[in-house]
Amino acid sequence: MGKIAAAVLLVSSLVAPAAAAEGPLLVRVRGVYISTADKSDAIPALGINSKDVISVSKKLIPEVDISYFITPNLSAELILTYPQKHDVKVNANGTKLDLGTFSHLPPVLSVQWHFLPGGVVNPYVGLGVNLTLITSQDLAVPLATPLELEISKSSVGISGQLGVDVMVAPQWYLNADVKYVTLGVDVKVKSSGTKVSHATVDPWLLGLGVGYRF
């Protein structure tokens, strides 16, 4: 009986409220790896008839997110970072060419459901929307006379999320988080506005971090 009681107490400690006095605000700092889909239409105007030849660089970025708990189970999360620069390349019939760079600001607002609020281990799921703003771009096909390109200045998409917070001390948490974000842009000739392709970036955002509950 003693062993059974001890096991029951252990399980209860994982799911019972561990910090009922905590406030509604949870701030996390994460390191996030951006893994892009690298899908695109063919570019017949440039003599490239294959799909998925445009690639956007993958990178590790810092991120801050703020979650406000509306109820113990339901929260709204806003993730923030500073504008991120990516390199863009194109596989032109077997030859990789540098097209240049673009920078973007990708805030994401999500609604989350937390399964074990107040517990030591608290998994959650989220669904949200992202507004990606292209803050600068310097893109051109490197010909004898460079052909300047431009991409859409914004993109609106949806996001899905899975994550878990693990309490390591009162009000302190370790966090692991995975998001999938839809993001697509048209690629045009800058001088004429003629569309030459569509690039689907659709990144996975893989994050690890720490959080503090106010």
N, C-alpha and C. Protein backbone atom coordinates (compact mmCIF):
# COMPACT_ATOMS: atom_id res chain seq x y z
N MET A 1 0.82 -1.21 0.00
CA MET A 1 0.00 0.00 0.00
C MET A 1 0.85 1.26 0.00
N GLY A 2 2.00 1.18 0.71
CA GLY A 2 2.87 2.35 0.78
C GLY A 2 3.41 2.74 -0.57
N LYS A 3 3.76 1.74 -1.41
CA LYS A 3 4.29 2.03 -2.74
C LYS A 3 3.20 2.63 -3.63
N ILE A 4 1.98 2.09 -3.50
CA ILE A 4 0.87 2.61 -4.30
C ILE A 4 0.58 4.06 -3.93
N ALA A 5 0.58 4.34 -2.64
CA ALA A 5 0.33 5.71 -2.18
C ALA A 5 1.40 6.66 -2.70
N ALA A 6 2.66 6.20 -2.67
CA ALA A 6 3.74 7.04 -3.16
C ALA A 6 3.59 7.33 -4.64
N ALA A 7 3.16 6.31 -5.42
CA ALA A 7 2.97 6.50 -6.86
C ALA A 7 1.85 7.49 -7.13
N VAL A 8 0.76 7.36 -6.36
CA VAL A 8 -0.36 8.28 -6.53
C VAL A 8 0.06 9.71 -6.23
N LEU A 9 0.86 9.90 -5.17
CA LEU A 9 1.34 11.24 -4.82
C LEU A 9 2.23 11.82 -5.91
N LEU A 10 3.07 10.95 -6.53
CA LEU A 10 3.96 11.41 -7.59
C LEU A 10 3.17 11.89 -8.79
N VAL A 11 2.17 11.09 -9.22
CA VAL A 11 1.36 11.48 -10.37
C VAL A 11 0.58 12.75 -10.06
N SER A 12 0.05 12.83 -8.86
CA SER A 12 -0.72 14.00 -8.47
C SER A 12 0.13 15.26 -8.50
N SER A 13 1.41 15.12 -8.12
CA SER A 13 2.29 16.29 -8.11
C SER A 13 2.55 16.82 -9.51
N LEU A 14 2.41 15.95 -10.54
CA LEU A 14 2.66 16.39 -11.91
C LEU A 14 1.45 17.11 -12.51
N VAL A 15 0.27 16.75 -12.06
CA VAL A 15 -0.93 17.32 -12.68
C VAL A 15 -1.65 18.32 -11.79
N ALA A 16 -1.34 18.33 -10.50
CA ALA A 16 -2.03 19.26 -9.61
C ALA A 16 -1.47 20.65 -9.79
N PRO A 17 -2.24 21.70 -9.52
CA PRO A 17 -1.72 23.06 -9.62
C PRO A 17 -0.49 23.24 -8.76
N ALA A 18 0.59 23.71 -9.41
CA ALA A 18 1.86 23.84 -8.70
C ALA A 18 2.15 25.27 -8.32
N ALA A 19 1.43 26.23 -8.93
CA ALA A 19 1.73 27.63 -8.64
C ALA A 19 0.48 28.47 -8.82
N ALA A 20 -0.49 28.21 -7.95
CA ALA A 20 -1.79 28.85 -8.10
C ALA A 20 -1.70 30.37 -8.00
N ALA A 21 -0.62 30.88 -7.36
CA ALA A 21 -0.50 32.32 -7.16
C ALA A 21 0.10 33.03 -8.38
N GLU A 22 0.50 32.28 -9.41
CA GLU A 22 1.11 32.91 -10.58
C GLU A 22 0.12 33.80 -11.31
N GLY A 23 0.67 34.85 -11.93
CA GLY A 23 -0.17 35.78 -12.66
C GLY A 23 -0.48 35.30 -14.06
N PRO A 24 -1.17 36.13 -14.87
CA PRO A 24 -1.65 35.71 -16.18
C PRO A 24 -0.62 35.86 -17.31
N LEU A 25 0.55 36.40 -17.02
CA LEU A 25 1.51 36.73 -18.07
C LEU A 25 2.71 35.78 -18.03
N LEU A 26 3.02 35.16 -19.17
CA LEU A 26 4.19 34.29 -19.31
C LEU A 26 5.05 34.83 -20.44
N VAL A 27 6.30 35.16 -20.13
CA VAL A 27 7.24 35.68 -21.13
C VAL A 27 8.33 34.64 -21.34
N ARG A 28 8.55 34.30 -22.60
CA ARG A 28 9.59 33.32 -22.93
C ARG A 28 10.64 33.95 -23.85
N VAL A 29 11.87 33.45 -23.72
CA VAL A 29 12.95 33.78 -24.65
C VAL A 29 13.40 32.48 -25.27
N ARG A 30 13.40 32.43 -26.61
CA ARG A 30 13.73 31.19 -27.30
C ARG A 30 14.84 31.41 -28.33
N GLY A 31 15.55 30.34 -28.61
CA GLY A 31 16.33 30.25 -29.83
C GLY A 31 15.51 29.44 -30.82
N VAL A 32 15.30 29.98 -32.03
CA VAL A 32 14.42 29.34 -33.01
C VAL A 32 15.18 29.07 -34.30
N TYR A 33 15.10 27.83 -34.77
CA TYR A 33 15.70 27.47 -36.05
C TYR A 33 14.62 27.52 -37.13
N ILE A 34 14.87 28.31 -38.17
CA ILE A 34 13.93 28.46 -39.28
C ILE A 34 14.34 27.49 -40.39
N SER A 35 13.46 26.53 -40.67
CA SER A 35 13.71 25.56 -41.73
C SER A 35 12.69 25.78 -42.84
N THR A 36 13.15 26.29 -43.98
CA THR A 36 12.25 26.70 -45.06
C THR A 36 11.91 25.54 -46.00
N ALA A 37 10.73 25.66 -46.66
CA ALA A 37 10.25 24.58 -47.53
C ALA A 37 10.98 24.57 -48.88
N ASP A 38 11.39 25.74 -49.38
CA ASP A 38 12.10 25.85 -50.65
C ASP A 38 11.31 25.25 -51.82
N LYS A 39 10.07 25.68 -51.96
CA LYS A 39 9.25 25.25 -53.09
C LYS A 39 8.94 26.48 -53.95
N SER A 40 8.90 26.29 -55.26
CA SER A 40 8.62 27.42 -56.15
C SER A 40 8.13 26.90 -57.49
N ASP A 41 7.42 27.79 -58.21
CA ASP A 41 7.01 27.47 -59.57
C ASP A 41 8.22 27.53 -60.51
N ALA A 42 8.06 26.94 -61.67
CA ALA A 42 9.09 27.08 -62.71
C ALA A 42 9.21 28.55 -63.12
N ILE A 43 10.34 28.89 -63.77
CA ILE A 43 10.58 30.28 -64.17
C ILE A 43 10.87 30.30 -65.68
N PRO A 44 9.85 30.04 -66.51
CA PRO A 44 10.09 29.97 -67.96
C PRO A 44 10.63 31.27 -68.53
N ALA A 45 10.30 32.41 -67.93
CA ALA A 45 10.80 33.69 -68.45
C ALA A 45 12.32 33.77 -68.36
N LEU A 46 12.92 32.98 -67.46
CA LEU A 46 14.38 32.96 -67.33
C LEU A 46 14.97 31.67 -67.89
N GLY A 47 14.15 30.90 -68.61
CA GLY A 47 14.62 29.66 -69.21
C GLY A 47 14.78 28.53 -68.22
N ILE A 48 14.09 28.61 -67.07
CA ILE A 48 14.16 27.57 -66.05
C ILE A 48 12.79 26.91 -65.97
N ASN A 49 12.71 25.65 -66.45
CA ASN A 49 11.42 24.98 -66.55
C ASN A 49 11.17 23.98 -65.42
N SER A 50 12.09 23.88 -64.48
CA SER A 50 11.92 22.97 -63.34
C SER A 50 11.30 23.71 -62.17
N LYS A 51 10.57 22.98 -61.33
CA LYS A 51 9.99 23.56 -60.13
C LYS A 51 10.99 23.47 -58.97
N ASP A 52 10.70 24.20 -57.92
CA ASP A 52 11.43 24.12 -56.64
C ASP A 52 12.92 24.43 -56.79
N VAL A 53 13.23 25.45 -57.60
CA VAL A 53 14.64 25.80 -57.83
C VAL A 53 15.07 27.01 -56.99
N ILE A 54 14.11 27.71 -56.39
CA ILE A 54 14.44 28.86 -55.54
C ILE A 54 14.59 28.39 -54.11
N SER A 55 15.70 28.73 -53.46
CA SER A 55 15.92 28.33 -52.07
C SER A 55 16.20 29.55 -51.21
N VAL A 56 15.67 29.51 -49.99
CA VAL A 56 15.84 30.58 -49.00
C VAL A 56 16.63 30.01 -47.84
N SER A 57 17.64 30.74 -47.39
CA SER A 57 18.55 30.22 -46.38
C SER A 57 17.85 29.90 -45.07
N LYS A 58 18.29 28.81 -44.44
CA LYS A 58 17.84 28.42 -43.11
C LYS A 58 18.73 29.10 -42.09
N LYS A 59 18.19 29.41 -40.91
CA LYS A 59 19.01 30.12 -39.94
C LYS A 59 18.43 29.98 -38.53
N LEU A 60 19.30 30.30 -37.55
CA LEU A 60 18.91 30.31 -36.14
C LEU A 60 18.72 31.76 -35.71
N ILE A 61 17.59 32.06 -35.06
CA ILE A 61 17.29 33.44 -34.67
C ILE A 61 16.86 33.50 -33.20
N PRO A 62 17.00 34.66 -32.56
CA PRO A 62 16.43 34.85 -31.22
C PRO A 62 14.97 35.27 -31.33
N GLU A 63 14.19 34.91 -30.31
CA GLU A 63 12.77 35.24 -30.34
C GLU A 63 12.29 35.50 -28.91
N VAL A 64 11.37 36.44 -28.78
CA VAL A 64 10.67 36.69 -27.52
C VAL A 64 9.19 36.48 -27.76
N ASP A 65 8.53 35.76 -26.86
CA ASP A 65 7.09 35.65 -27.00
C ASP A 65 6.41 35.97 -25.68
N ILE A 66 5.23 36.53 -25.79
CA ILE A 66 4.44 36.94 -24.64
C ILE A 66 3.10 36.23 -24.70
N SER A 67 2.78 35.46 -23.66
CA SER A 67 1.50 34.77 -23.58
C SER A 67 0.66 35.37 -22.45
N TYR A 68 -0.59 35.65 -22.76
CA TYR A 68 -1.53 36.14 -21.75
C TYR A 68 -2.60 35.07 -21.55
N PHE A 69 -2.75 34.61 -20.30
CA PHE A 69 -3.71 33.56 -19.99
C PHE A 69 -5.08 34.17 -19.71
N ILE A 70 -6.00 33.89 -20.62
CA ILE A 70 -7.38 34.36 -20.48
C ILE A 70 -8.11 33.52 -19.43
N THR A 71 -7.85 32.21 -19.46
CA THR A 71 -8.30 31.26 -18.45
C THR A 71 -7.10 30.36 -18.16
N PRO A 72 -7.15 29.50 -17.16
CA PRO A 72 -6.01 28.60 -16.93
C PRO A 72 -5.65 27.74 -18.14
N ASN A 73 -6.64 27.40 -18.96
CA ASN A 73 -6.38 26.56 -20.13
C ASN A 73 -6.12 27.35 -21.41
N LEU A 74 -6.66 28.55 -21.50
CA LEU A 74 -6.66 29.29 -22.77
C LEU A 74 -5.76 30.52 -22.68
N SER A 75 -4.87 30.66 -23.68
CA SER A 75 -3.99 31.83 -23.71
C SER A 75 -3.85 32.35 -25.12
N ALA A 76 -3.40 33.59 -25.23
CA ALA A 76 -3.05 34.21 -26.51
C ALA A 76 -1.56 34.50 -26.48
N GLU A 77 -0.85 34.12 -27.55
CA GLU A 77 0.61 34.28 -27.60
C GLU A 77 1.01 35.12 -28.81
N LEU A 78 1.88 36.09 -28.57
CA LEU A 78 2.47 36.91 -29.64
C LEU A 78 3.97 36.68 -29.64
N ILE A 79 4.51 36.24 -30.80
CA ILE A 79 5.96 36.06 -30.90
C ILE A 79 6.55 37.23 -31.67
N LEU A 80 7.72 37.68 -31.20
CA LEU A 80 8.36 38.86 -31.76
C LEU A 80 9.84 38.60 -31.97
N THR A 81 10.40 39.22 -33.00
CA THR A 81 11.84 39.24 -33.22
C THR A 81 12.15 40.49 -34.03
N TYR A 82 13.41 40.73 -34.33
CA TYR A 82 13.77 41.86 -35.18
C TYR A 82 13.84 41.38 -36.63
N PRO A 83 13.87 42.27 -37.63
CA PRO A 83 13.89 41.83 -39.03
C PRO A 83 15.05 40.86 -39.31
N GLN A 84 14.73 39.77 -39.98
CA GLN A 84 15.69 38.72 -40.27
C GLN A 84 16.06 38.72 -41.75
N LYS A 85 17.38 38.63 -42.02
CA LYS A 85 17.86 38.63 -43.40
C LYS A 85 18.10 37.19 -43.88
N HIS A 86 17.66 36.90 -45.10
CA HIS A 86 17.86 35.58 -45.71
C HIS A 86 18.55 35.74 -47.06
N ASP A 87 19.43 34.80 -47.36
CA ASP A 87 20.02 34.70 -48.70
C ASP A 87 19.07 33.91 -49.60
N VAL A 88 19.04 34.29 -50.87
CA VAL A 88 18.19 33.61 -51.84
C VAL A 88 19.05 33.12 -52.99
N LYS A 89 18.85 31.85 -53.37
CA LYS A 89 19.59 31.27 -54.49
C LYS A 89 18.61 30.63 -55.46
N VAL A 90 19.05 30.44 -56.70
CA VAL A 90 18.25 29.74 -57.68
C VAL A 90 19.14 28.72 -58.39
N ASN A 91 18.60 27.53 -58.61
CA ASN A 91 19.30 26.48 -59.35
C ASN A 91 18.92 26.62 -60.82
N ALA A 92 19.77 27.30 -61.57
CA ALA A 92 19.50 27.59 -62.98
C ALA A 92 20.05 26.47 -63.84
N ASN A 93 19.21 25.43 -64.03
CA ASN A 93 19.59 24.29 -64.88
C ASN A 93 20.92 23.69 -64.47
N GLY A 94 21.08 23.48 -63.15
CA GLY A 94 22.27 22.82 -62.62
C GLY A 94 23.32 23.77 -62.08
N THR A 95 23.18 25.05 -62.32
CA THR A 95 24.12 26.04 -61.81
C THR A 95 23.46 26.88 -60.73
N LYS A 96 24.05 26.89 -59.52
CA LYS A 96 23.46 27.67 -58.43
C LYS A 96 23.90 29.12 -58.53
N LEU A 97 22.91 30.01 -58.59
CA LEU A 97 23.19 31.44 -58.69
C LEU A 97 22.66 32.16 -57.45
N ASP A 98 23.43 33.13 -56.97
CA ASP A 98 22.98 33.98 -55.87
C ASP A 98 22.06 35.06 -56.42
N LEU A 99 20.84 35.11 -55.89
CA LEU A 99 19.91 36.15 -56.31
C LEU A 99 19.97 37.38 -55.41
N GLY A 100 20.55 37.23 -54.21
CA GLY A 100 20.63 38.37 -53.30
C GLY A 100 20.02 38.06 -51.95
N THR A 101 19.43 39.05 -51.33
CA THR A 101 18.90 38.90 -49.98
C THR A 101 17.56 39.63 -49.84
N PHE A 102 16.82 39.22 -48.81
CA PHE A 102 15.66 39.99 -48.37
C PHE A 102 15.56 39.87 -46.85
N SER A 103 14.94 40.86 -46.25
CA SER A 103 14.72 40.85 -44.80
C SER A 103 13.23 40.90 -44.52
N HIS A 104 12.82 40.23 -43.45
CA HIS A 104 11.40 40.19 -43.13
C HIS A 104 11.17 40.24 -41.63
N LEU A 105 10.00 40.73 -41.26
CA LEU A 105 9.57 40.78 -39.87
C LEU A 105 8.34 39.88 -39.77
N PRO A 106 8.43 38.77 -39.00
CA PRO A 106 7.36 37.77 -39.05
C PRO A 106 6.58 37.59 -37.74
N PRO A 107 5.85 38.59 -37.24
CA PRO A 107 5.09 38.36 -36.02
C PRO A 107 3.98 37.31 -36.22
N VAL A 108 3.76 36.49 -35.20
CA VAL A 108 2.72 35.46 -35.23
C VAL A 108 1.87 35.60 -33.97
N LEU A 109 0.56 35.64 -34.14
CA LEU A 109 -0.37 35.70 -33.01
C LEU A 109 -1.15 34.39 -32.99
N SER A 110 -1.09 33.68 -31.84
CA SER A 110 -1.72 32.37 -31.73
C SER A 110 -2.64 32.31 -30.52
N VAL A 111 -3.66 31.47 -30.64
CA VAL A 111 -4.49 31.09 -29.51
C VAL A 111 -4.10 29.68 -29.11
N GLN A 112 -3.82 29.47 -27.82
CA GLN A 112 -3.30 28.20 -27.34
C GLN A 112 -4.24 27.55 -26.33
N TRP A 113 -4.25 26.22 -26.35
CA TRP A 113 -4.97 25.44 -25.34
C TRP A 113 -3.95 24.64 -24.54
N HIS A 114 -3.92 24.87 -23.22
CA HIS A 114 -2.99 24.19 -22.32
C HIS A 114 -3.72 23.06 -21.60
N PHE A 115 -3.17 21.85 -21.71
CA PHE A 115 -3.87 20.66 -21.23
C PHE A 115 -3.78 20.46 -19.71
N LEU A 116 -2.67 20.85 -19.09
CA LEU A 116 -2.48 20.61 -17.66
C LEU A 116 -2.06 21.91 -16.97
N PRO A 117 -2.93 22.90 -16.94
CA PRO A 117 -2.53 24.20 -16.38
C PRO A 117 -2.12 24.08 -14.92
N GLY A 118 -1.00 24.72 -14.58
CA GLY A 118 -0.50 24.68 -13.23
C GLY A 118 0.34 23.47 -12.90
N GLY A 119 0.39 22.48 -13.81
CA GLY A 119 1.18 21.29 -13.56
C GLY A 119 2.66 21.50 -13.85
N VAL A 120 3.47 20.57 -13.42
CA VAL A 120 4.90 20.65 -13.69
C VAL A 120 5.16 20.52 -15.19
N VAL A 121 4.44 19.61 -15.84
CA VAL A 121 4.56 19.42 -17.29
C VAL A 121 3.23 19.85 -17.91
N ASN A 122 3.28 20.84 -18.80
CA ASN A 122 2.05 21.43 -19.35
C ASN A 122 2.15 21.52 -20.88
N PRO A 123 1.68 20.48 -21.60
CA PRO A 123 1.69 20.54 -23.07
C PRO A 123 0.58 21.45 -23.58
N TYR A 124 0.76 21.97 -24.80
CA TYR A 124 -0.25 22.84 -25.39
C TYR A 124 -0.25 22.71 -26.90
N VAL A 125 -1.37 23.13 -27.50
CA VAL A 125 -1.48 23.24 -28.96
C VAL A 125 -1.93 24.66 -29.26
N GLY A 126 -1.63 25.12 -30.47
CA GLY A 126 -2.00 26.48 -30.83
C GLY A 126 -2.37 26.60 -32.30
N LEU A 127 -3.19 27.59 -32.59
CA LEU A 127 -3.56 27.92 -33.96
C LEU A 127 -3.52 29.43 -34.09
N GLY A 128 -2.91 29.92 -35.18
CA GLY A 128 -2.75 31.37 -35.25
C GLY A 128 -2.65 31.91 -36.66
N VAL A 129 -2.29 33.17 -36.72
CA VAL A 129 -2.14 33.89 -37.99
C VAL A 129 -0.82 34.65 -37.96
N ASN A 130 -0.16 34.72 -39.10
CA ASN A 130 1.09 35.50 -39.17
C ASN A 130 0.98 36.54 -40.28
N LEU A 131 1.58 37.68 -40.02
CA LEU A 131 1.69 38.75 -41.01
C LEU A 131 3.18 38.98 -41.23
N THR A 132 3.69 38.51 -42.36
CA THR A 132 5.10 38.68 -42.69
C THR A 132 5.28 39.95 -43.51
N LEU A 133 6.09 40.86 -43.01
CA LEU A 133 6.37 42.12 -43.70
C LEU A 133 7.78 42.08 -44.26
N ILE A 134 7.93 42.27 -45.55
CA ILE A 134 9.25 42.33 -46.18
C ILE A 134 9.79 43.75 -45.97
N THR A 135 10.82 43.88 -45.15
CA THR A 135 11.30 45.21 -44.77
C THR A 135 12.36 45.74 -45.73
N SER A 136 13.07 44.87 -46.42
CA SER A 136 14.05 45.31 -47.43
C SER A 136 14.35 44.13 -48.34
N GLN A 137 14.81 44.44 -49.56
CA GLN A 137 15.18 43.38 -50.50
C GLN A 137 16.17 43.92 -51.52
N ASP A 138 17.07 43.03 -51.90
CA ASP A 138 18.10 43.35 -52.90
C ASP A 138 18.30 42.09 -53.73
N LEU A 139 17.48 41.94 -54.77
CA LEU A 139 17.42 40.71 -55.55
C LEU A 139 17.63 41.01 -57.03
N ALA A 140 18.44 40.19 -57.69
CA ALA A 140 18.68 40.37 -59.13
C ALA A 140 19.25 39.08 -59.70
N VAL A 141 18.89 38.79 -60.95
CA VAL A 141 19.51 37.68 -61.67
C VAL A 141 20.86 38.17 -62.16
N PRO A 142 21.97 37.47 -61.82
CA PRO A 142 23.31 37.95 -62.16
C PRO A 142 23.68 37.71 -63.62
N LEU A 143 23.09 38.50 -64.51
CA LEU A 143 23.44 38.46 -65.93
C LEU A 143 24.48 39.54 -66.22
N ALA A 144 24.91 39.64 -67.49
CA ALA A 144 25.85 40.69 -67.86
C ALA A 144 25.28 42.05 -67.47
N THR A 145 24.01 42.24 -67.73
CA THR A 145 23.27 43.38 -67.19
C THR A 145 22.27 42.81 -66.20
N PRO A 146 22.50 42.95 -64.88
CA PRO A 146 21.64 42.30 -63.88
C PRO A 146 20.17 42.63 -64.08
N LEU A 147 19.34 41.60 -63.98
CA LEU A 147 17.89 41.77 -64.08
C LEU A 147 17.34 41.85 -62.66
N GLU A 148 16.93 43.05 -62.26
CA GLU A 148 16.46 43.25 -60.90
C GLU A 148 15.09 42.60 -60.69
N LEU A 149 14.95 41.93 -59.53
CA LEU A 149 13.71 41.27 -59.16
C LEU A 149 13.14 41.91 -57.89
N GLU A 150 11.86 41.67 -57.66
CA GLU A 150 11.26 42.06 -56.39
C GLU A 150 10.24 41.01 -55.98
N ILE A 151 10.01 40.92 -54.67
CA ILE A 151 9.02 39.98 -54.16
C ILE A 151 7.92 40.75 -53.44
N SER A 152 6.81 40.07 -53.19
CA SER A 152 5.68 40.69 -52.50
C SER A 152 6.15 41.31 -51.19
N LYS A 153 5.59 42.45 -50.85
CA LYS A 153 6.03 43.17 -49.65
C LYS A 153 5.38 42.66 -48.37
N SER A 154 4.42 41.76 -48.49
CA SER A 154 3.79 41.19 -47.30
C SER A 154 3.17 39.84 -47.64
N SER A 155 2.93 39.06 -46.60
CA SER A 155 2.27 37.76 -46.76
C SER A 155 1.47 37.48 -45.50
N VAL A 156 0.22 37.07 -45.68
CA VAL A 156 -0.63 36.67 -44.55
C VAL A 156 -0.86 35.17 -44.63
N GLY A 157 -0.65 34.48 -43.52
CA GLY A 157 -0.83 33.04 -43.51
C GLY A 157 -1.31 32.55 -42.16
N ILE A 158 -1.47 31.23 -42.06
CA ILE A 158 -1.88 30.63 -40.80
C ILE A 158 -0.71 29.88 -40.19
N SER A 159 -0.84 29.55 -38.92
CA SER A 159 0.21 28.79 -38.25
C SER A 159 -0.41 27.74 -37.34
N GLY A 160 0.29 26.62 -37.20
CA GLY A 160 -0.07 25.58 -36.25
C GLY A 160 1.08 25.37 -35.29
N GLN A 161 0.79 24.90 -34.09
CA GLN A 161 1.79 24.89 -33.03
C GLN A 161 1.59 23.72 -32.08
N LEU A 162 2.71 23.12 -31.65
CA LEU A 162 2.75 22.14 -30.57
C LEU A 162 3.88 22.54 -29.64
N GLY A 163 3.65 22.44 -28.33
CA GLY A 163 4.72 22.80 -27.41
C GLY A 163 4.48 22.25 -26.02
N VAL A 164 5.46 22.48 -25.16
CA VAL A 164 5.34 22.04 -23.77
C VAL A 164 6.16 22.96 -22.89
N ASP A 165 5.59 23.32 -21.74
CA ASP A 165 6.31 24.05 -20.69
C ASP A 165 6.57 23.09 -19.54
N VAL A 166 7.80 23.11 -19.03
CA VAL A 166 8.17 22.26 -17.91
C VAL A 166 8.67 23.15 -16.78
N MET A 167 7.98 23.14 -15.64
CA MET A 167 8.38 23.96 -14.51
C MET A 167 9.66 23.42 -13.89
N VAL A 168 10.66 24.29 -13.73
CA VAL A 168 11.93 23.89 -13.11
C VAL A 168 12.13 24.57 -11.77
N ALA A 169 11.34 25.61 -11.49
CA ALA A 169 11.36 26.33 -10.22
C ALA A 169 10.09 27.17 -10.20
N PRO A 170 9.66 27.64 -9.03
CA PRO A 170 8.47 28.48 -9.00
C PRO A 170 8.58 29.64 -9.99
N GLN A 171 7.63 29.70 -10.92
CA GLN A 171 7.50 30.74 -11.94
C GLN A 171 8.47 30.59 -13.11
N TRP A 172 9.39 29.62 -13.08
CA TRP A 172 10.37 29.43 -14.15
C TRP A 172 10.07 28.15 -14.92
N TYR A 173 10.21 28.23 -16.26
CA TYR A 173 9.88 27.10 -17.12
C TYR A 173 10.94 26.91 -18.20
N LEU A 174 11.14 25.66 -18.58
CA LEU A 174 11.81 25.33 -19.82
C LEU A 174 10.73 25.10 -20.87
N ASN A 175 11.02 25.47 -22.11
CA ASN A 175 10.01 25.40 -23.15
C ASN A 175 10.58 24.78 -24.42
N ALA A 176 9.79 23.90 -25.03
CA ALA A 176 10.09 23.39 -26.38
C ALA A 176 8.85 23.65 -27.23
N ASP A 177 9.06 24.13 -28.46
CA ASP A 177 7.93 24.61 -29.27
C ASP A 177 8.22 24.37 -30.75
N VAL A 178 7.21 23.90 -31.46
CA VAL A 178 7.31 23.71 -32.92
C VAL A 178 6.13 24.41 -33.58
N LYS A 179 6.41 25.24 -34.57
CA LYS A 179 5.36 25.91 -35.33
C LYS A 179 5.56 25.63 -36.82
N TYR A 180 4.44 25.57 -37.53
CA TYR A 180 4.46 25.53 -38.99
C TYR A 180 3.70 26.76 -39.49
N VAL A 181 4.34 27.55 -40.32
CA VAL A 181 3.77 28.82 -40.77
C VAL A 181 3.68 28.82 -42.29
N THR A 182 2.54 29.24 -42.82
CA THR A 182 2.41 29.36 -44.27
C THR A 182 2.85 30.75 -44.70
N LEU A 183 3.72 30.79 -45.71
CA LEU A 183 4.30 32.06 -46.18
C LEU A 183 4.66 31.89 -47.65
N GLY A 184 4.06 32.72 -48.50
CA GLY A 184 4.36 32.66 -49.92
C GLY A 184 4.48 34.05 -50.51
N VAL A 185 5.34 34.19 -51.53
CA VAL A 185 5.55 35.49 -52.17
C VAL A 185 5.64 35.31 -53.69
N ASP A 186 5.13 36.31 -54.42
CA ASP A 186 5.32 36.35 -55.86
C ASP A 186 6.68 36.96 -56.17
N VAL A 187 7.32 36.44 -57.21
CA VAL A 187 8.60 36.97 -57.69
C VAL A 187 8.35 37.67 -59.02
N LYS A 188 8.74 38.94 -59.10
CA LYS A 188 8.44 39.75 -60.29
C LYS A 188 9.70 40.43 -60.82
N VAL A 189 9.66 40.79 -62.09
CA VAL A 189 10.69 41.66 -62.66
C VAL A 189 10.41 43.07 -62.15
N LYS A 190 11.39 43.68 -61.54
CA LYS A 190 11.16 44.96 -60.87
C LYS A 190 10.76 46.07 -61.84
N SER A 191 11.36 46.10 -63.01
CA SER A 191 11.12 47.21 -63.94
C SER A 191 9.72 47.17 -64.55
N SER A 192 9.17 45.98 -64.76
CA SER A 192 7.88 45.85 -65.44
C SER A 192 6.76 45.35 -64.55
N GLY A 193 7.11 44.75 -63.40
CA GLY A 193 6.09 44.16 -62.54
C GLY A 193 5.59 42.82 -63.03
N THR A 194 6.24 42.25 -64.06
CA THR A 194 5.83 40.96 -64.60
C THR A 194 6.16 39.84 -63.64
N LYS A 195 5.17 39.03 -63.31
CA LYS A 195 5.39 37.89 -62.41
C LYS A 195 6.13 36.79 -63.14
N VAL A 196 7.23 36.31 -62.55
CA VAL A 196 8.00 35.24 -63.18
C VAL A 196 7.94 33.94 -62.39
N SER A 197 7.53 33.99 -61.10
CA SER A 197 7.43 32.76 -60.31
C SER A 197 6.69 33.07 -59.01
N HIS A 198 6.41 32.02 -58.28
CA HIS A 198 5.86 32.14 -56.92
C HIS A 198 6.68 31.22 -56.02
N ALA A 199 7.18 31.78 -54.92
CA ALA A 199 8.00 31.00 -53.99
C ALA A 199 7.21 30.71 -52.73
N THR A 200 7.19 29.46 -52.33
CA THR A 200 6.52 29.02 -51.11
C THR A 200 7.58 28.73 -50.06
N VAL A 201 7.65 29.58 -49.05
CA VAL A 201 8.69 29.44 -48.02
C VAL A 201 8.23 28.51 -46.90
N ASP A 202 6.99 28.64 -46.44
CA ASP A 202 6.35 27.77 -45.44
C ASP A 202 7.32 27.19 -44.42
N PRO A 203 7.89 28.01 -43.54
CA PRO A 203 8.92 27.49 -42.64
C PRO A 203 8.37 26.70 -41.45
N TRP A 204 9.17 25.75 -40.99
CA TRP A 204 9.02 25.15 -39.67
C TRP A 204 9.88 25.99 -38.73
N LEU A 205 9.32 26.34 -37.57
CA LEU A 205 10.04 27.10 -36.55
C LEU A 205 10.24 26.19 -35.34
N LEU A 206 11.48 25.79 -35.10
CA LEU A 206 11.80 24.83 -34.04
C LEU A 206 12.48 25.57 -32.91
N GLY A 207 11.81 25.67 -31.75
CA GLY A 207 12.30 26.53 -30.68
C GLY A 207 12.56 25.83 -29.37
N LEU A 208 13.59 26.31 -28.66
CA LEU A 208 13.89 25.91 -27.29
C LEU A 208 14.16 27.19 -26.49
N GLY A 209 13.67 27.23 -25.26
CA GLY A 209 13.89 28.45 -24.49
C GLY A 209 13.51 28.31 -23.03
N VAL A 210 13.46 29.48 -22.38
CA VAL A 210 13.07 29.54 -20.98
C VAL A 210 11.96 30.59 -20.85
N GLY A 211 11.14 30.42 -19.80
CA GLY A 211 10.04 31.35 -19.59
C GLY A 211 9.88 31.69 -18.13
N TYR A 212 9.27 32.85 -17.89
CA TYR A 212 9.00 33.31 -16.53
C TYR A 212 7.54 33.75 -16.45
N ARG A 213 6.83 33.25 -15.45
CA ARG A 213 5.40 33.55 -15.28
C ARG A 213 5.22 34.67 -14.24
N PHE A 214 4.58 35.75 -14.66
CA PHE A 214 4.35 36.89 -13.77
C PHE A 214 2.97 36.78 -13.13
